[in-house]
C-alpha atoms as a PDB file:
ATOM      1  CA  MET A   1    -129.016 127.042 150.294  1.00  0.00           C
ATOM      2  CA  SER A   2    -128.234 123.882 152.171  1.00  0.00           C
ATOM      3  CA  HIS A   3    -125.542 121.264 151.396  1.00  0.00           C
ATOM      4  CA  ASP A   4    -123.386 118.523 153.079  1.00  0.00           C
ATOM      5  CA  HIS A   5    -121.066 119.883 155.320  1.00  0.00           C
ATOM      6  CA  GLY A   6    -117.492 118.228 156.559  1.00  0.00           C
ATOM      7  CA  HIS A   7    -116.281 119.341 159.919  1.00  0.00           C
ATOM      8  CA  ALA A   8    -112.535 119.280 160.646  1.00  0.00           C
ATOM      9  CA  CYS A   9    -112.842 118.440 164.113  1.00  0.00           C
ATOM     10  CA  SER A  10    -115.475 115.734 163.911  1.00  0.00           C
ATOM     11  CA  HIS A  11    -113.083 112.652 163.593  1.00  0.00           C
ATOM     12  CA  GLY A  12    -114.881 111.420 160.463  1.00  0.00           C
ATOM     13  CA  HIS A  13    -118.613 111.950 161.766  1.00  0.00           C
ATOM     14  CA  GLU A  14    -118.671 108.148 162.814  1.00  0.00           C
ATOM     15  CA  HIS A  15    -121.218 109.208 165.625  1.00  0.00           C
ATOM     16  CA  GLY A  16    -123.931 108.951 162.839  1.00  0.00           C
ATOM     17  CA  HIS A  17    -125.888 112.047 163.441  1.00  0.00           C
ATOM     18  CA  ALA A  18    -127.255 114.458 161.135  1.00  0.00           C
ATOM     19  CA  HIS A  19    -124.604 116.928 160.369  1.00  0.00           C
ATOM     20  CA  SER A  20    -125.656 117.330 156.997  1.00  0.00           C
ATOM     21  CA  HIS A  21    -127.218 120.787 156.468  1.00  0.00           C
ATOM     22  CA  HIS A  22    -126.281 124.251 156.862  1.00  0.00           C
ATOM     23  CA  GLY A  23    -127.167 127.638 155.480  1.00  0.00           C
ATOM     24  CA  HIS A  24    -124.874 130.206 153.867  1.00  0.00           C
ATOM     25  CA  VAL A  25    -126.086 133.763 153.282  1.00  0.00           C
ATOM     26  CA  HIS A  26    -123.927 136.518 151.698  1.00  0.00           C
ATOM     27  CA  SER A  27    -124.309 140.093 151.736  1.00  0.00           C
ATOM     28  CA  THR A  28    -122.473 143.095 150.526  1.00  0.00           C
ATOM     29  CA  PRO A  29    -120.754 144.731 153.801  1.00  0.00           C
ATOM     30  CA  GLY A  30    -120.876 148.392 152.390  1.00  0.00           C
ATOM     31  CA  PRO A  31    -119.124 150.424 149.747  1.00  0.00           C
ATOM     32  CA  ASP A  32    -116.489 148.160 148.160  1.00  0.00           C
ATOM     33  CA  ASP A  33    -114.984 150.462 145.536  1.00  0.00           C
ATOM     34  CA  TRP A  34    -112.540 152.863 146.850  1.00  0.00           C
ATOM     35  CA  ASN A  35    -110.379 153.217 143.751  1.00  0.00           C
ATOM     36  CA  ARG A  36    -111.255 156.841 143.148  1.00  0.00           C
ATOM     37  CA  ALA A  37    -110.493 157.868 146.693  1.00  0.00           C
ATOM     38  CA  PHE A  38    -107.218 156.077 146.773  1.00  0.00           C
ATOM     39  CA  ALA A  39    -106.058 157.352 143.377  1.00  0.00           C
ATOM     40  CA  ILE A  40    -106.946 161.097 144.353  1.00  0.00           C
ATOM     41  CA  GLY A  41    -105.204 160.566 147.814  1.00  0.00           C
ATOM     42  CA  VAL A  42    -101.987 159.094 146.401  1.00  0.00           C
ATOM     43  CA  LEU A  43    -101.580 161.641 143.647  1.00  0.00           C
ATOM     44  CA  LEU A  44    -102.382 164.742 145.943  1.00  0.00           C
ATOM     45  CA  ASN A  45    -100.157 163.645 148.696  1.00  0.00           C
ATOM     46  CA  LEU A  46     -97.250 162.592 146.395  1.00  0.00           C
ATOM     47  CA  GLY A  47     -97.226 165.922 144.845  1.00  0.00           C
ATOM     48  CA  PHE A  48     -97.329 167.659 148.025  1.00  0.00           C
ATOM     49  CA  VAL A  49     -94.496 165.626 149.448  1.00  0.00           C
ATOM     50  CA  VAL A  50     -92.284 167.033 146.645  1.00  0.00           C
ATOM     51  CA  VAL A  51     -93.399 170.600 147.313  1.00  0.00           C
ATOM     52  CA  GLU A  52     -93.022 170.394 150.945  1.00  0.00           C
ATOM     53  CA  ALA A  53     -89.640 168.677 151.067  1.00  0.00           C
ATOM     54  CA  VAL A  54     -88.275 171.453 148.750  1.00  0.00           C
ATOM     55  CA  PHE A  55     -89.619 174.232 150.704  1.00  0.00           C
ATOM     56  CA  GLY A  56     -88.860 172.792 154.077  1.00  0.00           C
ATOM     57  CA  TRP A  57     -85.280 172.425 153.232  1.00  0.00           C
ATOM     58  CA  GLN A  58     -85.233 175.920 151.861  1.00  0.00           C
ATOM     59  CA  ALA A  59     -86.843 177.305 154.923  1.00  0.00           C
ATOM     60  CA  GLY A  60     -84.710 175.193 157.374  1.00  0.00           C
ATOM     61  CA  SER A  61     -87.956 173.816 159.017  1.00  0.00           C
ATOM     62  CA  LEU A  62     -87.596 170.569 160.700  1.00  0.00           C
ATOM     63  CA  ALA A  63     -91.536 170.286 161.272  1.00  0.00           C
ATOM     64  CA  LEU A  64     -91.852 171.093 157.458  1.00  0.00           C
ATOM     65  CA  LEU A  65     -89.326 168.338 156.508  1.00  0.00           C
ATOM     66  CA  ALA A  66     -90.822 165.886 159.200  1.00  0.00           C
ATOM     67  CA  ASP A  67     -94.163 166.460 157.774  1.00  0.00           C
ATOM     68  CA  ALA A  68     -92.908 165.646 154.232  1.00  0.00           C
ATOM     69  CA  GLY A  69     -91.470 162.554 155.561  1.00  0.00           C
ATOM     70  CA  HIS A  70     -94.666 161.719 157.236  1.00  0.00           C
ATOM     71  CA  ASN A  71     -96.624 162.454 154.146  1.00  0.00           C
ATOM     72  CA  LEU A  72     -94.375 160.083 152.115  1.00  0.00           C
ATOM     73  CA  SER A  73     -95.095 157.204 154.628  1.00  0.00           C
ATOM     74  CA  ASP A  74     -98.735 157.938 154.269  1.00  0.00           C
ATOM     75  CA  VAL A  75     -98.391 157.632 150.659  1.00  0.00           C
ATOM     76  CA  ALA A  76     -96.901 154.176 151.070  1.00  0.00           C
ATOM     77  CA  GLY A  77     -99.696 153.484 153.597  1.00  0.00           C
ATOM     78  CA  LEU A  78    -102.533 154.559 151.102  1.00  0.00           C
ATOM     79  CA  ILE A  79    -100.970 152.222 148.225  1.00  0.00           C
ATOM     80  CA  LEU A  80    -100.871 149.477 150.786  1.00  0.00           C
ATOM     81  CA  ALA A  81    -104.460 149.724 151.807  1.00  0.00           C
ATOM     82  CA  TRP A  82    -105.207 150.225 148.109  1.00  0.00           C
ATOM     83  CA  GLY A  83    -103.647 147.172 147.137  1.00  0.00           C
ATOM     84  CA  ALA A  84    -105.331 145.310 150.073  1.00  0.00           C
ATOM     85  CA  ALA A  85    -108.828 146.495 149.026  1.00  0.00           C
ATOM     86  CA  LEU A  86    -108.183 145.404 145.475  1.00  0.00           C
ATOM     87  CA  ALA A  87    -106.700 142.055 146.681  1.00  0.00           C
ATOM     88  CA  GLY A  88    -109.752 141.504 148.801  1.00  0.00           C
ATOM     89  CA  ARG A  89    -112.010 141.467 145.717  1.00  0.00           C
ATOM     90  CA  LEU A  90    -110.086 138.645 144.027  1.00  0.00           C
ATOM     91  CA  ALA A  91    -112.296 135.578 143.509  1.00  0.00           C
ATOM     92  CA  PRO A  92    -111.549 132.504 145.744  1.00  0.00           C
ATOM     93  CA  THR A  93    -109.590 129.628 144.460  1.00  0.00           C
ATOM     94  CA  PRO A  94    -109.376 125.945 145.312  1.00  0.00           C
ATOM     95  CA  ARG A  95    -106.054 126.770 147.465  1.00  0.00           C
ATOM     96  CA  ARG A  96    -107.609 130.129 148.780  1.00  0.00           C
ATOM     97  CA  THR A  97    -111.198 129.346 149.497  1.00  0.00           C
ATOM     98  CA  TYR A  98    -111.805 132.760 151.064  1.00  0.00           C
ATOM     99  CA  GLY A  99    -109.903 134.737 148.431  1.00  0.00           C
ATOM    100  CA  TRP A 100    -107.588 137.520 149.732  1.00  0.00           C
ATOM    101  CA  ARG A 101    -109.945 139.147 152.079  1.00  0.00           C
ATOM    102  CA  ARG A 102    -107.521 138.866 155.110  1.00  0.00           C
ATOM    103  CA  ALA A 103    -104.952 141.305 152.946  1.00  0.00           C
ATOM    104  CA  SER A 104    -107.008 144.101 154.321  1.00  0.00           C
ATOM    105  CA  ILE A 105    -106.437 143.101 157.990  1.00  0.00           C
ATOM    106  CA  LEU A 106    -102.716 142.763 157.289  1.00  0.00           C
ATOM    107  CA  ALA A 107    -102.519 146.110 155.596  1.00  0.00           C
ATOM    108  CA  ALA A 108    -104.280 147.890 158.541  1.00  0.00           C
ATOM    109  CA  LEU A 109    -101.761 146.243 160.905  1.00  0.00           C
ATOM    110  CA  ALA A 110     -98.845 147.187 158.633  1.00  0.00           C
ATOM    111  CA  ASN A 111    -100.235 150.872 158.276  1.00  0.00           C
ATOM    112  CA  ALA A 112    -100.303 151.091 162.130  1.00  0.00           C
ATOM    113  CA  VAL A 113     -96.701 149.778 162.434  1.00  0.00           C
ATOM    114  CA  LEU A 114     -95.728 152.348 159.497  1.00  0.00           C
ATOM    115  CA  LEU A 115     -97.341 155.211 161.491  1.00  0.00           C
ATOM    116  CA  LEU A 116     -95.595 154.406 164.824  1.00  0.00           C
ATOM    117  CA  VAL A 117     -92.210 154.151 163.073  1.00  0.00           C
ATOM    118  CA  ALA A 118     -92.679 157.526 161.375  1.00  0.00           C
ATOM    119  CA  MET A 119     -93.620 159.097 164.606  1.00  0.00           C
ATOM    120  CA  GLY A 120     -90.739 157.390 166.245  1.00  0.00           C
ATOM    121  CA  ALA A 121     -88.260 159.043 163.654  1.00  0.00           C
ATOM    122  CA  LEU A 122     -90.032 162.454 164.000  1.00  0.00           C
ATOM    123  CA  ALA A 123     -89.454 162.312 167.777  1.00  0.00           C
ATOM    124  CA  VAL A 124     -85.827 161.467 167.387  1.00  0.00           C
ATOM    125  CA  GLU A 125     -85.306 164.472 165.022  1.00  0.00           C
ATOM    126  CA  ALA A 126     -87.212 166.781 167.176  1.00  0.00           C
ATOM    127  CA  PHE A 127     -85.074 165.918 170.281  1.00  0.00           C
ATOM    128  CA  GLN A 128     -82.089 166.615 168.433  1.00  0.00           C
ATOM    129  CA  ARG A 129     -83.264 169.752 166.953  1.00  0.00           C
ATOM    130  CA  LEU A 130     -84.234 170.952 170.610  1.00  0.00           C
ATOM    131  CA  GLN A 131     -80.507 170.548 171.523  1.00  0.00           C
ATOM    132  CA  ALA A 132     -79.467 172.816 168.721  1.00  0.00           C
ATOM    133  CA  PRO A 133     -82.324 175.295 167.503  1.00  0.00           C
ATOM    134  CA  GLU A 134     -81.970 176.666 164.106  1.00  0.00           C
ATOM    135  CA  PRO A 135     -83.802 179.593 162.539  1.00  0.00           C
ATOM    136  CA  VAL A 136     -86.528 178.832 160.154  1.00  0.00           C
ATOM    137  CA  SER A 137     -88.390 181.106 157.400  1.00  0.00           C
ATOM    138  CA  GLY A 138     -91.808 181.474 159.035  1.00  0.00           C
ATOM    139  CA  TRP A 139     -93.883 182.646 156.191  1.00  0.00           C
ATOM    140  CA  THR A 140     -92.755 179.838 153.807  1.00  0.00           C
ATOM    141  CA  VAL A 141     -93.557 177.418 156.629  1.00  0.00           C
ATOM    142  CA  ILE A 142     -96.940 178.888 157.311  1.00  0.00           C
ATOM    143  CA  VAL A 143     -98.168 178.887 153.483  1.00  0.00           C
ATOM    144  CA  VAL A 144     -96.715 175.524 152.609  1.00  0.00           C
ATOM    145  CA  ALA A 145     -98.020 173.977 155.921  1.00  0.00           C
ATOM    146  CA  ALA A 146    -101.742 175.639 155.199  1.00  0.00           C
ATOM    147  CA  VAL A 147    -101.807 173.907 151.838  1.00  0.00           C
ATOM    148  CA  GLY A 148    -100.885 170.468 153.583  1.00  0.00           C
ATOM    149  CA  VAL A 149    -103.910 171.200 155.856  1.00  0.00           C
ATOM    150  CA  LEU A 150    -106.198 171.477 152.873  1.00  0.00           C
ATOM    151  CA  ILE A 151    -104.849 168.585 150.873  1.00  0.00           C
ATOM    152  CA  ASN A 152    -104.737 166.235 153.976  1.00  0.00           C
ATOM    153  CA  GLY A 153    -108.062 167.360 155.264  1.00  0.00           C
ATOM    154  CA  LEU A 154    -109.649 166.707 151.641  1.00  0.00           C
ATOM    155  CA  THR A 155    -108.028 163.186 151.433  1.00  0.00           C
ATOM    156  CA  ALA A 156    -109.159 162.293 154.834  1.00  0.00           C
ATOM    157  CA  ALA A 157    -112.798 163.291 153.959  1.00  0.00           C
ATOM    158  CA  LEU A 158    -112.602 160.926 151.055  1.00  0.00           C
ATOM    159  CA  PHE A 159    -112.145 157.852 153.632  1.00  0.00           C
ATOM    160  CA  MET A 160    -114.208 159.246 156.670  1.00  0.00           C
ATOM    161  CA  ALA A 161    -117.394 157.460 155.331  1.00  0.00           C
ATOM    162  CA  GLY A 162    -115.860 154.015 155.615  1.00  0.00           C
ATOM    163  CA  SER A 163    -113.468 154.682 158.661  1.00  0.00           C
ATOM    164  CA  LYS A 164    -116.177 153.306 161.184  1.00  0.00           C
ATOM    165  CA  ASP A 165    -116.830 149.941 159.372  1.00  0.00           C
ATOM    166  CA  ASP A 166    -113.609 149.067 157.696  1.00  0.00           C
ATOM    167  CA  LEU A 167    -110.343 148.782 159.525  1.00  0.00           C
ATOM    168  CA  ASN A 168    -108.388 149.204 156.401  1.00  0.00           C
ATOM    169  CA  ILE A 169    -110.192 152.374 155.255  1.00  0.00           C
ATOM    170  CA  ARG A 170    -109.785 153.550 158.886  1.00  0.00           C
ATOM    171  CA  GLY A 171    -106.036 152.987 158.571  1.00  0.00           C
ATOM    172  CA  ALA A 172    -105.942 155.230 155.538  1.00  0.00           C
ATOM    173  CA  PHE A 173    -108.294 157.827 157.228  1.00  0.00           C
ATOM    174  CA  LEU A 174    -106.038 158.116 160.341  1.00  0.00           C
ATOM    175  CA  HIS A 175    -102.998 158.484 158.014  1.00  0.00           C
ATOM    176  CA  MET A 176    -104.514 161.575 156.271  1.00  0.00           C
ATOM    177  CA  ALA A 177    -106.217 162.981 159.340  1.00  0.00           C
ATOM    178  CA  GLY A 178    -102.780 162.773 161.199  1.00  0.00           C
ATOM    179  CA  ASP A 179    -101.077 164.419 158.490  1.00  0.00           C
ATOM    180  CA  ALA A 180    -103.620 167.334 158.500  1.00  0.00           C
ATOM    181  CA  LEU A 181    -103.018 167.629 162.386  1.00  0.00           C
ATOM    182  CA  VAL A 182     -99.280 167.713 161.673  1.00  0.00           C
ATOM    183  CA  SER A 183     -99.746 170.416 159.045  1.00  0.00           C
ATOM    184  CA  LEU A 184    -101.808 172.281 161.450  1.00  0.00           C
ATOM    185  CA  GLY A 185     -99.460 172.369 164.169  1.00  0.00           C
ATOM    186  CA  VAL A 186     -96.468 173.293 161.693  1.00  0.00           C
ATOM    187  CA  VAL A 187     -98.993 176.457 160.700  1.00  0.00           C
ATOM    188  CA  ALA A 188     -99.176 177.382 164.564  1.00  0.00           C
ATOM    189  CA  ALA A 189     -95.330 176.923 165.006  1.00  0.00           C
ATOM    190  CA  GLY A 190     -94.765 179.300 161.946  1.00  0.00           C
ATOM    191  CA  VAL A 191     -97.030 181.906 163.225  1.00  0.00           C
ATOM    192  CA  LEU A 192     -95.585 181.728 166.823  1.00  0.00           C
ATOM    193  CA  TYR A 193     -92.180 181.869 165.477  1.00  0.00           C
ATOM    194  CA  LEU A 194     -92.843 185.153 163.559  1.00  0.00           C
ATOM    195  CA  GLN A 195     -94.597 186.609 166.656  1.00  0.00           C
ATOM    196  CA  PHE A 196     -91.977 185.692 169.445  1.00  0.00           C
ATOM    197  CA  GLY A 197     -88.892 184.146 167.503  1.00  0.00           C
ATOM    198  CA  TRP A 198     -89.088 181.122 169.657  1.00  0.00           C
ATOM    199  CA  GLY A 199     -86.621 178.590 167.785  1.00  0.00           C
ATOM    200  CA  TRP A 200     -87.537 175.856 170.092  1.00  0.00           C
ATOM    201  CA  LEU A 201     -91.312 175.935 169.274  1.00  0.00           C
ATOM    202  CA  ASP A 202     -90.970 174.241 165.957  1.00  0.00           C
ATOM    203  CA  PRO A 203     -89.491 170.664 167.334  1.00  0.00           C
ATOM    204  CA  VAL A 204     -91.710 171.074 170.455  1.00  0.00           C
ATOM    205  CA  ILE A 205     -94.763 171.163 168.376  1.00  0.00           C
ATOM    206  CA  SER A 206     -93.446 168.232 166.338  1.00  0.00           C
ATOM    207  CA  LEU A 207     -93.033 166.033 169.593  1.00  0.00           C
ATOM    208  CA  VAL A 208     -96.711 166.939 170.701  1.00  0.00           C
ATOM    209  CA  ILE A 209     -98.023 165.988 167.565  1.00  0.00           C
ATOM    210  CA  ALA A 210     -96.224 162.797 167.472  1.00  0.00           C
ATOM    211  CA  VAL A 211     -97.605 161.744 170.732  1.00  0.00           C
ATOM    212  CA  VAL A 212    -101.244 162.644 169.731  1.00  0.00           C
ATOM    213  CA  ILE A 213    -100.827 160.407 166.543  1.00  0.00           C
ATOM    214  CA  VAL A 214     -99.342 157.571 168.477  1.00  0.00           C
ATOM    215  CA  LEU A 215    -102.104 157.539 170.880  1.00  0.00           C
ATOM    216  CA  GLY A 216    -104.565 157.619 167.865  1.00  0.00           C
ATOM    217  CA  THR A 217    -102.625 154.808 166.088  1.00  0.00           C
ATOM    218  CA  TRP A 218    -102.572 152.585 169.157  1.00  0.00           C
ATOM    219  CA  SER A 219    -106.269 151.350 168.700  1.00  0.00           C
ATOM    220  CA  LEU A 220    -105.711 150.680 165.239  1.00  0.00           C
ATOM    221  CA  LEU A 221    -102.725 148.418 166.051  1.00  0.00           C
ATOM    222  CA  ARG A 222    -104.739 146.778 168.965  1.00  0.00           C
ATOM    223  CA  GLN A 223    -107.758 145.918 166.731  1.00  0.00           C
ATOM    224  CA  SER A 224    -105.834 144.832 163.702  1.00  0.00           C
ATOM    225  CA  LEU A 225    -103.677 142.424 165.755  1.00  0.00           C
ATOM    226  CA  HIS A 226    -106.889 141.262 167.480  1.00  0.00           C
ATOM    227  CA  LEU A 227    -108.435 140.522 163.782  1.00  0.00           C
ATOM    228  CA  ALA A 228    -105.140 138.903 162.605  1.00  0.00           C
ATOM    229  CA  PHE A 229    -105.321 136.284 165.380  1.00  0.00           C
ATOM    230  CA  ASP A 230    -109.099 135.683 164.525  1.00  0.00           C
ATOM    231  CA  GLY A 231    -110.463 137.483 167.562  1.00  0.00           C
ATOM    232  CA  VAL A 232    -114.216 138.239 167.715  1.00  0.00           C
ATOM    233  CA  PRO A 233    -114.721 141.738 165.820  1.00  0.00           C
ATOM    234  CA  GLU A 234    -115.201 144.847 167.735  1.00  0.00           C
ATOM    235  CA  GLY A 235    -119.089 145.323 168.443  1.00  0.00           C
ATOM    236  CA  ILE A 236    -119.996 141.752 168.368  1.00  0.00           C
ATOM    237  CA  ASP A 237    -120.893 140.276 171.760  1.00  0.00           C
ATOM    238  CA  LEU A 238    -120.438 136.516 171.545  1.00  0.00           C
ATOM    239  CA  LEU A 239    -122.636 135.715 174.546  1.00  0.00           C
ATOM    240  CA  GLU A 240    -125.262 137.892 172.853  1.00  0.00           C
ATOM    241  CA  VAL A 241    -124.906 135.918 169.504  1.00  0.00           C
ATOM    242  CA  HIS A 242    -124.954 132.706 171.397  1.00  0.00           C
ATOM    243  CA  ALA A 243    -128.246 133.498 173.378  1.00  0.00           C
ATOM    244  CA  PHE A 244    -129.923 134.505 169.861  1.00  0.00           C
ATOM    245  CA  LEU A 245    -129.072 131.190 168.308  1.00  0.00           C
ATOM    246  CA  ARG A 246    -130.129 129.336 171.381  1.00  0.00           C
ATOM    247  CA  SER A 247    -133.527 131.187 171.299  1.00  0.00           C
ATOM    248  CA  GLN A 248    -134.678 129.912 168.022  1.00  0.00           C
ATOM    249  CA  PRO A 249    -137.527 127.427 167.914  1.00  0.00           C
ATOM    250  CA  GLY A 250    -136.552 123.955 167.961  1.00  0.00           C
ATOM    251  CA  VAL A 251    -132.803 124.729 169.286  1.00  0.00           C
ATOM    252  CA  THR A 252    -131.939 122.882 172.520  1.00  0.00           C
ATOM    253  CA  GLY A 253    -128.380 123.613 172.562  1.00  0.00           C
ATOM    254  CA  VAL A 254    -125.587 125.546 170.693  1.00  0.00           C
ATOM    255  CA  HIS A 255    -121.825 124.519 170.689  1.00  0.00           C
ATOM    256  CA  ASP A 256    -118.703 125.174 168.542  1.00  0.00           C
ATOM    257  CA  LEU A 257    -119.533 128.715 168.269  1.00  0.00           C
ATOM    258  CA  HIS A 258    -116.812 130.852 166.259  1.00  0.00           C
ATOM    259  CA  VAL A 259    -116.914 134.265 165.085  1.00  0.00           C
ATOM    260  CA  TRP A 260    -114.130 135.819 163.269  1.00  0.00           C
ATOM    261  CA  ALA A 261    -113.346 138.506 160.555  1.00  0.00           C
ATOM    262  CA  LEU A 262    -112.639 137.277 156.953  1.00  0.00           C
ATOM    263  CA  GLY A 263    -111.515 140.877 156.428  1.00  0.00           C
ATOM    264  CA  THR A 264    -111.734 144.458 157.834  1.00  0.00           C
ATOM    265  CA  SER A 265    -115.545 144.513 156.627  1.00  0.00           C
ATOM    266  CA  GLU A 266    -116.757 141.051 156.534  1.00  0.00           C
ATOM    267  CA  VAL A 267    -117.456 138.569 159.419  1.00  0.00           C
ATOM    268  CA  ALA A 268    -118.069 134.848 159.488  1.00  0.00           C
ATOM    269  CA  LEU A 269    -119.569 132.494 161.839  1.00  0.00           C
ATOM    270  CA  THR A 270    -119.765 128.745 162.340  1.00  0.00           C
ATOM    271  CA  ALA A 271    -122.038 126.980 165.044  1.00  0.00           C
ATOM    272  CA  HIS A 272    -123.539 123.808 165.776  1.00  0.00           C
ATOM    273  CA  LEU A 273    -127.171 123.992 166.626  1.00  0.00           C
ATOM    274  CA  VAL A 274    -128.781 121.135 168.534  1.00  0.00           C
ATOM    275  CA  MET A 275    -132.195 120.295 167.021  1.00  0.00           C
ATOM    276  CA  PRO A 276    -133.674 116.993 167.943  1.00  0.00           C
ATOM    277  CA  GLY A 277    -136.570 117.592 165.594  1.00  0.00           C
ATOM    278  CA  GLY A 278    -134.422 117.424 162.702  1.00  0.00           C
ATOM    279  CA  HIS A 279    -133.737 119.811 159.932  1.00  0.00           C
ATOM    280  CA  PRO A 280    -135.807 122.946 159.961  1.00  0.00           C
ATOM    281  CA  GLY A 281    -136.038 123.676 156.226  1.00  0.00           C
ATOM    282  CA  ASP A 282    -134.072 126.134 153.859  1.00  0.00           C
ATOM    283  CA  ALA A 283    -136.500 128.903 154.999  1.00  0.00           C
ATOM    284  CA  PHE A 284    -134.933 128.794 158.570  1.00  0.00           C
ATOM    285  CA  PHE A 285    -131.335 129.398 157.268  1.00  0.00           C
ATOM    286  CA  LEU A 286    -132.380 132.276 154.910  1.00  0.00           C
ATOM    287  CA  GLU A 287    -134.155 134.058 157.700  1.00  0.00           C
ATOM    288  CA  MET A 288    -131.192 133.484 160.130  1.00  0.00           C
ATOM    289  CA  GLY A 289    -128.830 134.686 157.648  1.00  0.00           C
ATOM    290  CA  GLU A 290    -130.580 137.874 157.162  1.00  0.00           C
ATOM    291  CA  ILE A 291    -130.846 138.495 160.989  1.00  0.00           C
ATOM    292  CA  LEU A 292    -127.441 137.685 161.573  1.00  0.00           C
ATOM    293  CA  VAL A 293    -126.382 140.372 158.953  1.00  0.00           C
ATOM    294  CA  ARG A 294    -128.811 143.063 160.148  1.00  0.00           C
ATOM    295  CA  ARG A 295    -128.384 142.594 163.868  1.00  0.00           C
ATOM    296  CA  PHE A 296    -124.793 141.503 164.104  1.00  0.00           C
ATOM    297  CA  ARG A 297    -123.252 142.459 160.940  1.00  0.00           C
ATOM    298  CA  ILE A 298    -122.268 138.905 160.392  1.00  0.00           C
ATOM    299  CA  HIS A 299    -122.217 138.334 156.603  1.00  0.00           C
ATOM    300  CA  HIS A 300    -120.878 134.727 156.249  1.00  0.00           C
ATOM    301  CA  PRO A 301    -122.890 132.457 158.695  1.00  0.00           C
ATOM    302  CA  THR A 302    -122.383 128.613 158.530  1.00  0.00           C
ATOM    303  CA  LEU A 303    -124.941 126.655 160.711  1.00  0.00           C
ATOM    304  CA  GLN A 304    -124.710 122.907 161.285  1.00  0.00           C
ATOM    305  CA  ILE A 305    -127.658 121.057 162.533  1.00  0.00           C
ATOM    306  CA  GLU A 306    -127.265 118.100 165.090  1.00  0.00           C
ATOM    307  CA  LEU A 307    -130.082 115.741 166.593  1.00  0.00           C
ATOM    308  CA  ASP A 308    -128.184 115.701 169.921  1.00  0.00           C
ATOM    309  CA  GLY A 309    -125.059 117.691 171.140  1.00  0.00           C
ATOM    310  CA  ILE A 310    -122.293 115.287 171.033  1.00  0.00           C
ATOM    311  CA  ASP A 311    -118.939 116.844 171.788  1.00  0.00           C
ATOM    312  CA  ASP A 312    -116.651 116.470 168.864  1.00  0.00           C
ATOM    313  CA  GLY A 313    -113.595 117.838 170.433  1.00  0.00           C
ATOM    314  CA  CYS A 314    -113.268 120.991 168.576  1.00  0.00           C
ATOM    315  CA  PRO A 315    -111.513 123.805 170.820  1.00  0.00           C
ATOM    316  CA  ALA A 316    -114.267 126.506 171.485  1.00  0.00           C
ATOM    317  CA  PRO A 317    -115.035 129.084 174.162  1.00  0.00           C
ATOM    318  CA  HIS A 318    -117.481 127.408 176.820  1.00  0.00           C
ATOM    319  CA  ILE A 319    -120.767 129.269 176.908  1.00  0.00           C
ATOM    320  CA  PRO A 320    -123.401 127.614 179.080  1.00  0.00           C
ATOM    321  CA  SER A 321    -126.547 126.752 177.430  1.00  0.00           C
END
């Protein structure tokens, strides 16, 4: 569709050129109902946290207790991601014209921070236990941790499909996959403890697992921070987008090009196209919207037509035409 468009940086459009038309094309960016996966993940892991904490205390295993604490933080992370996914589907309002889509970005950022804090606490406990190793009940540790591998692996599988396209879902997936890894390490520690009686192995494996999870979480933190500050989403080349727009028939220039994430699975674009021949018709905008979704995964394009390229003072990256 096309309609009049006001531009915040244009100083009232007093230059008198045709800034009156642009096109919007919306599309569904993928599966948007994760309620079942979140509900299953929260219930399974909450029940397992209780079981793991009780048996970990009885067995005297730091790795098991640490895993229970990590699982509890993951339950909180799942609830956070679930709430953000639900908030992102709330309808826009006059005060929040994009709705609550950005909640998913903030949830991904919070989940990354939560994971790093949990791993920091695990590392502190592991160092303390290294200085004073304590005996553990090997078989109890092995059985309980093996159940954890199964539960966390199943929960991670529920979110695997969306982990590549949605940063919020990726945060949930990393939480669960990290827990499965922790539990697997605890199983290994229990087996080796029974075999060799190495009391130091329990905290050492906990430290190794903490390092692995921190390394995996770093990219989630970096990407969520990037999106929180309206960075161009990963996988989208701004120069390529500019070249595509500039190559369209009748377009002699492109400026004020901005690409940013509305949420963790939806991308927006605004750009001014200089078209001396005038408005190209609604079919042009519909076709552009379809191509931008298919080629660049940009779901919410706003294109403004100008008869000539007068600089309106908007801050934007300089890209030579």
